[in-house]
């Protein structure tokens, strides 16, 4: 009798344990992301502050752009053979930001960049076009205007809605927009806005069809049309607490069709967090922390890294930090309130870019540490996952 009771107890315990493990397995399956595998490739002994990606030579493939010190210059690497094409050498240094846009509206991608702190230091390079496979035609340098000192951030958009691309620029002390006119550029200084040390982003925050600006803890509402050229017409609305030196990104993280704001500290230590607006973005924003107290996040990107239709967040800490971590934060519930992280590498990364470079349907990572700290790297997403059970690392 005692043995029968012991057997029954054992059977009941085993059944309960099996059910519990099944629930745990199911829960893990629902909340644990795949740990993606990346192939890190060194492109060359180059570095720089400006990293950009787009189809520069018009062959339908994504190319890699880097700008930095005079010995690195401004170049692009053609995908997939990674042949380097030299574009220009700076008078001082290409820093810290750049943008790709068809400024002359001729169908190819031009480069907007800044060179040093003095003179007509905001410039653009005209793409010579796609009909020169030997690349013997020079990229022509054009002046946009004087920013007054080192340029920290550049955003290109049609801010006044006239069909011509304009260029928003911020320095450590000033915020301005260079509006493209039929014959030249017109510089408008936007005053009375809190801008901090560095950081800026753009997007249509209020959904009125005009491109707004995100600054330190606030967004500036673009009045649109000719009024965009009047500094007094730009209205300031609070978002929340940003670090004085910040990175920001405008992206729909929770999938509700409205734009959210993602932020980090680029030079100091602060939370990586995102802000969600209520029905009226001029009113209260709700803050959600993704990674607390993180130093030197000068790479802040967002993309669906694991192909689950949820936008994930990519955080790269500079090589000057203790961690030097390149981390993916997976958006587990698609609402931006449940996150799980994977550290991809610990090399440091400054101003890194996320894009599907090899056009295989997954997002890759491109960049280097800042000027004078090579090499230039790419992390290719292999579309495979880490096999934790076998301990064999990545598997096909």
Protein backbone atom coordinates (compact mmCIF):
# COMPACT_ATOMS: atom_id res chain seq x y z
CA UNK A 1 0.00 0.00 0.00
CA UNK A 2 2.80 2.42 0.96
CA UNK A 3 4.63 1.68 -2.28
CA UNK A 4 1.46 2.34 -4.27
CA UNK A 5 0.98 5.67 -2.49
CA UNK A 6 4.61 6.63 -3.13
CA UNK A 7 4.24 5.69 -6.78
CA UNK A 8 1.08 7.78 -7.06
CA UNK A 9 2.80 10.73 -5.41
CA UNK A 10 5.78 10.37 -7.73
CA UNK A 11 3.53 10.14 -10.77
CA UNK A 12 1.57 13.22 -9.69
CA UNK A 13 4.80 15.17 -9.07
CA UNK A 14 6.21 14.12 -12.43
CA UNK A 15 2.99 15.10 -14.18
CA UNK A 16 2.92 18.49 -12.47
CA UNK A 17 6.61 19.08 -13.22
CA UNK A 18 6.09 18.15 -16.87
CA UNK A 19 3.18 20.55 -17.14
CA UNK A 20 5.19 23.31 -15.47
CA UNK A 21 8.15 22.77 -17.80
CA UNK A 22 5.80 22.81 -20.76
CA UNK A 23 4.41 26.14 -19.60
CA UNK A 24 7.94 27.50 -19.09
CA UNK A 25 9.01 26.31 -22.54
CA UNK A 26 5.95 27.90 -24.08
CA UNK A 27 6.58 31.13 -22.17
CA UNK A 28 10.22 31.21 -23.24
CA UNK A 29 9.17 30.56 -26.81
CA UNK A 30 6.80 33.50 -26.66
CA UNK A 31 9.16 35.99 -24.96
CA UNK A 32 12.71 34.99 -25.92
CA UNK A 33 14.01 36.36 -29.21
CA UNK A 34 16.33 34.58 -31.59
CA UNK A 35 19.97 35.47 -30.93
CA UNK A 36 21.00 36.47 -34.43
CA UNK A 37 24.37 35.60 -35.92
CA UNK A 38 26.52 38.29 -37.53
CA UNK A 39 29.66 38.04 -39.63
CA UNK A 40 31.97 40.92 -38.78
CA UNK A 41 34.08 41.99 -41.76
CA UNK A 42 36.81 44.61 -41.78
CA UNK A 43 36.49 46.74 -44.92
CA UNK A 44 39.73 48.65 -44.57
CA UNK A 45 42.04 50.71 -42.40
CA UNK A 46 39.79 53.77 -42.48
CA UNK A 47 37.64 55.67 -40.01
CA UNK A 48 35.65 58.87 -39.76
CA UNK A 49 32.68 60.56 -38.15
CA UNK A 50 30.38 60.44 -41.19
CA UNK A 51 28.83 57.09 -42.14
CA UNK A 52 26.04 56.84 -44.72
CA UNK A 53 24.52 54.16 -46.95
CA UNK A 54 22.61 54.34 -50.25
CA UNK A 55 22.90 53.42 -53.90
CA UNK A 56 25.61 55.91 -54.88
CA UNK A 57 26.53 54.53 -58.32
CA UNK A 58 23.00 53.67 -59.48
CA UNK A 59 23.51 49.93 -59.92
CA UNK A 60 20.61 49.03 -57.65
CA UNK A 61 22.83 47.97 -54.76
CA UNK A 62 23.59 49.67 -51.47
CA UNK A 63 27.00 51.34 -51.18
CA UNK A 64 28.87 52.51 -48.08
CA UNK A 65 30.00 56.12 -47.54
CA UNK A 66 32.65 57.33 -45.08
CA UNK A 67 33.98 60.83 -44.37
CA UNK A 68 36.71 61.87 -41.96
CA UNK A 69 40.19 63.36 -41.63
CA UNK A 70 42.27 64.40 -44.67
CA UNK A 71 44.10 61.06 -44.79
CA UNK A 72 40.74 59.22 -44.89
CA UNK A 73 38.86 61.78 -46.97
CA UNK A 74 35.37 61.16 -48.34
CA UNK A 75 34.87 57.87 -50.22
CA UNK A 76 32.31 55.23 -51.04
CA UNK A 77 32.68 51.45 -51.19
CA UNK A 78 30.73 49.70 -53.92
CA UNK A 79 28.76 46.61 -52.92
CA UNK A 80 29.46 43.71 -53.20
CA UNK A 81 33.14 43.90 -54.27
CA UNK A 82 33.83 46.79 -51.83
CA UNK A 83 35.88 48.66 -54.40
CA UNK A 84 36.72 52.07 -52.92
CA UNK A 85 36.05 55.25 -54.88
CA UNK A 86 37.68 58.40 -53.55
CA UNK A 87 35.46 61.50 -53.72
CA UNK A 88 37.22 64.39 -51.98
CA UNK A 89 39.64 65.49 -49.30
CA UNK A 90 38.53 67.99 -46.64
CA UNK A 91 40.17 71.33 -45.98
CA UNK A 92 40.02 70.48 -42.25
CA UNK A 93 37.82 67.44 -41.45
CA UNK A 94 34.46 66.04 -42.52
CA UNK A 95 32.50 65.91 -39.27
CA UNK A 96 30.23 64.98 -37.45
CA UNK A 97 27.19 64.25 -39.52
CA UNK A 98 26.15 64.03 -43.15
CA UNK A 99 23.14 63.27 -45.29
CA UNK A 100 22.39 61.74 -48.68
CA UNK A 101 19.84 63.41 -50.95
CA UNK A 102 19.29 64.31 -54.58
CA UNK A 103 19.95 68.01 -54.08
CA UNK A 104 20.04 68.92 -57.78
CA UNK A 105 17.08 66.63 -58.61
CA UNK A 106 18.92 64.90 -61.45
CA UNK A 107 18.10 61.37 -60.31
CA UNK A 108 21.27 60.44 -58.41
CA UNK A 109 22.36 60.69 -54.80
CA UNK A 110 24.46 63.66 -53.67
CA UNK A 111 26.29 64.09 -50.37
CA UNK A 112 25.66 66.91 -47.85
CA UNK A 113 28.47 67.29 -45.34
CA UNK A 114 30.42 69.83 -43.26
CA UNK A 115 34.14 70.63 -43.43
CA UNK A 116 35.75 72.16 -40.35
CA UNK A 117 34.51 75.11 -38.26
CA UNK A 118 35.26 78.09 -40.48
CA UNK A 119 34.15 79.81 -43.67
CA UNK A 120 31.56 78.28 -46.00
CA UNK A 121 31.84 74.99 -44.16
CA UNK A 122 28.44 73.49 -45.05
CA UNK A 123 28.87 71.94 -48.50
CA UNK A 124 27.51 69.34 -50.88
CA UNK A 125 29.19 67.11 -53.42
CA UNK A 126 27.46 66.62 -56.74
CA UNK A 127 27.30 63.01 -57.92
CA UNK A 128 28.82 62.91 -61.43
CA UNK A 129 26.18 60.39 -62.50
CA UNK A 130 25.86 56.75 -63.31
CA UNK A 131 27.38 56.76 -66.79
CA UNK A 132 31.01 56.68 -65.68
CA UNK A 133 31.99 53.11 -64.73
CA UNK A 134 35.68 54.10 -64.68
CA UNK A 135 34.85 56.80 -62.09
CA UNK A 136 37.20 59.30 -63.70
CA UNK A 137 34.69 62.15 -63.45
CA UNK A 138 35.23 64.32 -60.38
CA UNK A 139 32.56 65.00 -57.79
CA UNK A 140 31.98 68.77 -57.83
CA UNK A 141 32.07 70.60 -54.50
CA UNK A 142 29.36 73.24 -53.89
CA UNK A 143 29.00 75.66 -50.97
CA UNK A 144 25.72 75.91 -49.10
CA UNK A 145 26.74 78.44 -46.45
CA UNK A 146 28.53 79.22 -43.21
CA UNK A 147 27.33 77.41 -40.10
CA UNK A 148 29.62 79.49 -37.88
CA UNK A 149 31.45 76.60 -36.17
CA UNK A 150 31.71 72.81 -36.14
CA UNK A 151 28.52 71.20 -37.43
CA UNK A 152 27.11 68.50 -35.16
CA UNK A 153 23.93 67.40 -36.96
CA UNK A 154 22.46 67.64 -40.47
CA UNK A 155 18.89 66.89 -41.58
CA UNK A 156 17.76 67.26 -45.21
CA UNK A 157 14.05 67.77 -45.95
CA UNK A 158 11.73 70.08 -47.86
CA UNK A 159 10.86 72.21 -44.84
CA UNK A 160 8.99 74.93 -46.75
CA UNK A 161 7.15 72.63 -49.16
CA UNK A 162 8.41 74.25 -52.37
CA UNK A 163 9.68 71.00 -53.87
CA UNK A 164 13.36 71.77 -53.21
CA UNK A 165 15.41 70.05 -50.48
CA UNK A 166 16.50 72.27 -47.59
CA UNK A 167 19.21 71.56 -45.01
CA UNK A 168 18.74 71.90 -41.23
CA UNK A 169 21.99 72.23 -39.32
CA UNK A 170 22.96 72.59 -35.71
CA UNK A 171 26.25 73.53 -34.11
CA UNK A 172 27.00 73.42 -30.36
CA UNK A 173 25.34 76.84 -30.03
CA UNK A 174 23.03 77.48 -32.97
CA UNK A 175 20.21 75.90 -34.98
CA UNK A 176 19.57 76.99 -38.56
CA UNK A 177 17.93 75.96 -41.81
CA UNK A 178 19.44 76.68 -45.19
CA UNK A 179 16.47 77.03 -47.53
CA UNK A 180 17.10 76.27 -51.20
CA UNK A 181 15.97 79.09 -53.50
CA UNK A 182 15.88 78.96 -57.30
CA UNK A 183 19.35 80.55 -57.42
CA UNK A 184 21.03 80.15 -54.01
CA UNK A 185 20.61 79.27 -50.33
CA UNK A 186 18.93 81.37 -47.64
CA UNK A 187 20.09 80.92 -44.03
CA UNK A 188 17.45 81.23 -41.30
CA UNK A 189 18.54 81.05 -37.65
CA UNK A 190 15.93 79.38 -35.42
CA UNK A 191 16.16 81.04 -32.03
CA UNK A 192 14.57 80.52 -28.65
CA UNK A 193 14.75 76.72 -28.75
CA UNK A 194 16.60 74.50 -26.28
CA UNK A 195 19.21 72.58 -28.27
CA UNK A 196 21.80 71.37 -25.72
CA UNK A 197 25.31 70.42 -26.88
CA UNK A 198 24.47 68.15 -29.81
CA UNK A 199 21.62 66.12 -31.27
CA UNK A 200 18.72 66.64 -33.68
CA UNK A 201 16.17 64.58 -35.56
CA UNK A 202 13.35 65.29 -38.00
CA UNK A 203 9.92 63.92 -38.85
CA UNK A 204 6.27 64.91 -39.14
CA UNK A 205 5.44 64.67 -35.44
CA UNK A 206 1.90 66.08 -35.59
CA UNK A 207 0.90 64.55 -38.93
CA UNK A 208 0.16 67.85 -40.66
CA UNK A 209 2.38 67.13 -43.66
CA UNK A 210 5.25 69.39 -42.55
CA UNK A 211 8.64 68.09 -41.36
CA UNK A 212 9.25 69.07 -37.74
CA UNK A 213 12.49 69.05 -35.72
CA UNK A 214 13.31 67.18 -32.51
CA UNK A 215 15.71 69.04 -30.23
CA UNK A 216 16.76 68.66 -26.61
CA UNK A 217 13.61 67.56 -24.79
CA UNK A 218 11.31 69.42 -27.18
CA UNK A 219 9.97 69.27 -30.69
CA UNK A 220 9.66 72.32 -32.88
CA UNK A 221 6.49 72.47 -34.97
CA UNK A 222 7.06 73.54 -38.56
CA UNK A 223 4.42 76.06 -39.69
CA UNK A 224 4.93 74.94 -43.30
CA UNK A 225 5.06 76.86 -46.55
CA UNK A 226 6.72 80.27 -46.70
CA UNK A 227 6.10 80.64 -42.94
CA UNK A 228 8.78 78.00 -42.34
CA UNK A 229 11.31 80.68 -43.23
CA UNK A 230 10.12 82.83 -40.33
CA UNK A 231 11.88 81.77 -37.11
CA UNK A 232 9.11 83.23 -34.92
CA UNK A 233 6.52 80.89 -36.46
CA UNK A 234 8.20 77.70 -35.22
CA UNK A 235 6.45 76.62 -31.99
CA UNK A 236 8.10 74.67 -29.19
CA UNK A 237 6.40 71.74 -27.38
CA UNK A 238 7.88 69.66 -24.53
CA UNK A 239 8.68 65.95 -24.85
CA UNK A 240 10.65 65.02 -21.73
CA UNK A 241 14.10 64.91 -20.20
CA UNK A 242 16.92 64.54 -22.74
CA UNK A 243 20.64 64.56 -21.96
CA UNK A 244 22.52 67.71 -22.99
CA UNK A 245 24.40 65.71 -25.65
CA UNK A 246 21.87 63.36 -27.19
CA UNK A 247 20.99 61.20 -30.15
CA UNK A 248 17.37 61.11 -31.30
CA UNK A 249 15.34 59.19 -33.83
CA UNK A 250 11.76 59.62 -35.01
CA UNK A 251 10.17 56.20 -35.54
CA UNK A 252 6.93 54.31 -34.85
CA UNK A 253 8.12 51.87 -32.17
CA UNK A 254 4.74 50.64 -30.94
CA UNK A 255 3.15 50.08 -34.34
CA UNK A 256 0.19 52.36 -33.76
CA UNK A 257 0.78 54.40 -36.90
CA UNK A 258 2.01 57.48 -35.02
CA UNK A 259 5.61 58.60 -34.70
CA UNK A 260 7.47 58.13 -31.43
CA UNK A 261 10.81 59.59 -30.34
CA UNK A 262 13.79 57.47 -29.37
CA UNK A 263 16.71 59.03 -27.50
CA UNK A 264 20.04 58.33 -25.77
CA UNK A 265 23.11 60.20 -24.54
CA UNK A 266 25.78 60.44 -27.23
CA UNK A 267 28.61 61.74 -25.04
CA UNK A 268 27.54 61.20 -21.42
CA UNK A 269 25.48 58.61 -19.52
CA UNK A 270 21.69 58.45 -19.65
CA UNK A 271 18.83 56.02 -20.26
CA UNK A 272 18.11 54.76 -23.73
CA UNK A 273 14.39 55.56 -23.76
CA UNK A 274 11.49 56.27 -26.04
CA UNK A 275 8.57 58.68 -25.78
CA UNK A 276 5.02 58.06 -26.91
CA UNK A 277 2.62 60.93 -27.49
CA UNK A 278 -1.02 60.88 -26.55
CA UNK A 279 -3.75 61.93 -28.98
CA UNK A 280 -2.22 65.43 -29.05
CA UNK A 281 1.61 65.52 -29.38
CA UNK A 282 1.62 69.08 -28.05
CA UNK A 283 0.55 67.64 -24.70
CA UNK A 284 1.95 64.87 -22.47
CA UNK A 285 4.43 62.24 -23.68
CA UNK A 286 4.92 58.88 -21.90
CA UNK A 287 8.50 57.69 -21.33
CA UNK A 288 9.63 54.03 -21.46
CA UNK A 289 13.19 52.99 -20.62
CA UNK A 290 14.85 50.42 -22.88
CA UNK A 291 18.37 50.37 -21.40
CA UNK A 292 19.09 52.33 -18.22
CA UNK A 293 22.16 54.50 -17.55
CA UNK A 294 24.11 53.73 -20.72
CA UNK A 295 27.26 55.64 -21.63
CA UNK A 296 28.32 57.04 -24.98
CA UNK A 297 25.46 55.84 -27.19
CA UNK A 298 26.49 57.63 -30.38
CA UNK A 299 24.85 54.91 -32.49
CA UNK A 300 21.07 54.84 -32.13
CA UNK A 301 19.14 53.05 -34.88
CA UNK A 302 15.81 51.27 -35.29
CA UNK A 303 14.88 48.41 -37.64
CA UNK A 304 13.13 45.02 -37.64
CA UNK A 305 16.29 42.98 -37.08
CA UNK A 306 14.63 39.56 -36.52
CA UNK A 307 11.86 39.84 -39.14
CA UNK A 308 8.99 39.57 -36.67
CA UNK A 309 7.33 42.78 -37.94
CA UNK A 310 8.32 44.67 -34.78
CA UNK A 311 10.79 47.56 -34.81
CA UNK A 312 13.85 46.79 -32.70
CA UNK A 313 16.44 49.24 -31.34
CA UNK A 314 20.17 49.09 -32.05
CA UNK A 315 22.49 50.72 -29.50
CA UNK A 316 26.21 51.26 -30.16
CA UNK A 317 28.52 52.60 -27.45
CA UNK A 318 31.70 54.39 -28.44
CA UNK A 319 35.14 52.84 -28.00
CA UNK A 320 35.82 55.36 -25.24
CA UNK A 321 33.26 53.69 -22.95
CA UNK A 322 34.03 50.79 -20.64
CA UNK A 323 31.47 48.47 -22.28
CA UNK A 324 32.03 49.33 -25.98
CA UNK A 325 28.91 47.26 -26.63
CA UNK A 326 26.92 46.96 -29.84
CA UNK A 327 23.52 45.75 -28.65
CA UNK A 328 20.22 44.82 -30.26
CA UNK A 329 17.13 45.37 -28.13
CA UNK A 330 14.34 43.17 -29.48
CA UNK A 331 10.83 44.61 -29.25
CA UNK A 332 9.16 41.50 -27.89
CA UNK A 333 5.51 42.49 -27.85
CA UNK A 334 5.60 45.02 -30.68
CA UNK A 335 4.40 47.71 -28.29
CA UNK A 336 7.80 48.85 -27.07
CA UNK A 337 7.13 47.86 -23.46
CA UNK A 338 8.88 44.47 -23.34
CA UNK A 339 12.50 44.24 -24.46
CA UNK A 340 15.18 41.56 -24.63
CA UNK A 341 18.76 42.28 -25.59
CA UNK A 342 21.62 40.66 -27.48
CA UNK A 343 25.19 41.97 -27.38
CA UNK A 344 26.53 41.57 -30.92
CA UNK A 345 30.08 42.84 -30.38
CA UNK A 346 32.33 44.88 -28.10
CA UNK A 347 34.48 46.87 -30.52
CA UNK A 348 32.84 50.25 -29.99
CA UNK A 349 30.87 52.08 -32.69
CA UNK A 350 30.36 55.77 -33.45
CA UNK A 351 27.50 57.02 -35.68
CA UNK A 352 26.82 53.52 -37.01
CA UNK A 353 24.15 52.89 -39.64
CA UNK A 354 21.67 50.02 -40.00
CA UNK A 355 20.52 48.99 -43.49
CA UNK A 356 19.95 45.87 -45.59
CA UNK A 357 23.29 46.26 -47.32
CA UNK A 358 23.48 42.85 -49.02
CA UNK A 359 19.76 42.96 -49.97
CA UNK A 360 18.98 39.56 -48.43
CA UNK A 361 15.94 40.74 -46.49
CA UNK A 362 17.72 41.31 -43.17
CA UNK A 363 19.31 44.40 -41.67
CA UNK A 364 23.07 44.75 -41.32
CA UNK A 365 25.23 47.23 -39.36
CA UNK A 366 27.95 49.49 -40.79
CA UNK A 367 30.48 51.87 -39.30
CA UNK A 368 33.67 52.55 -37.40
CA UNK A 369 34.81 54.44 -34.37
CA UNK A 370 35.39 58.15 -34.77
CA UNK A 371 38.04 59.76 -36.96
CA UNK A 372 41.51 58.38 -36.32
CA UNK A 373 40.26 55.07 -34.92
CA UNK A 374 40.08 52.46 -37.72
CA UNK A 375 39.06 49.97 -39.00
CA UNK A 376 35.88 50.40 -40.99
CA UNK A 377 33.57 47.44 -40.41
CA UNK A 378 30.36 45.81 -41.46
CA UNK A 379 28.32 43.30 -39.46
CA UNK A 380 26.36 41.12 -41.88
CA UNK A 381 23.17 39.57 -40.55
CA UNK A 382 23.37 35.87 -41.48
CA UNK A 383 19.64 35.22 -41.06
CA UNK A 384 20.59 32.41 -38.64
CA UNK A 385 20.35 32.06 -34.88
CA UNK A 386 22.52 30.97 -31.99
CA UNK A 387 21.88 27.35 -30.98
CA UNK A 388 21.92 27.61 -27.16
CA UNK A 389 21.08 23.95 -26.59
CA UNK A 390 24.00 22.50 -28.55
CA UNK A 391 26.45 25.21 -27.45
CA UNK A 392 27.76 25.33 -31.01
CA UNK A 393 27.20 29.04 -31.52
CA UNK A 394 25.67 30.00 -34.82
CA UNK A 395 23.96 27.41 -36.99
CA UNK A 396 22.58 27.52 -40.50
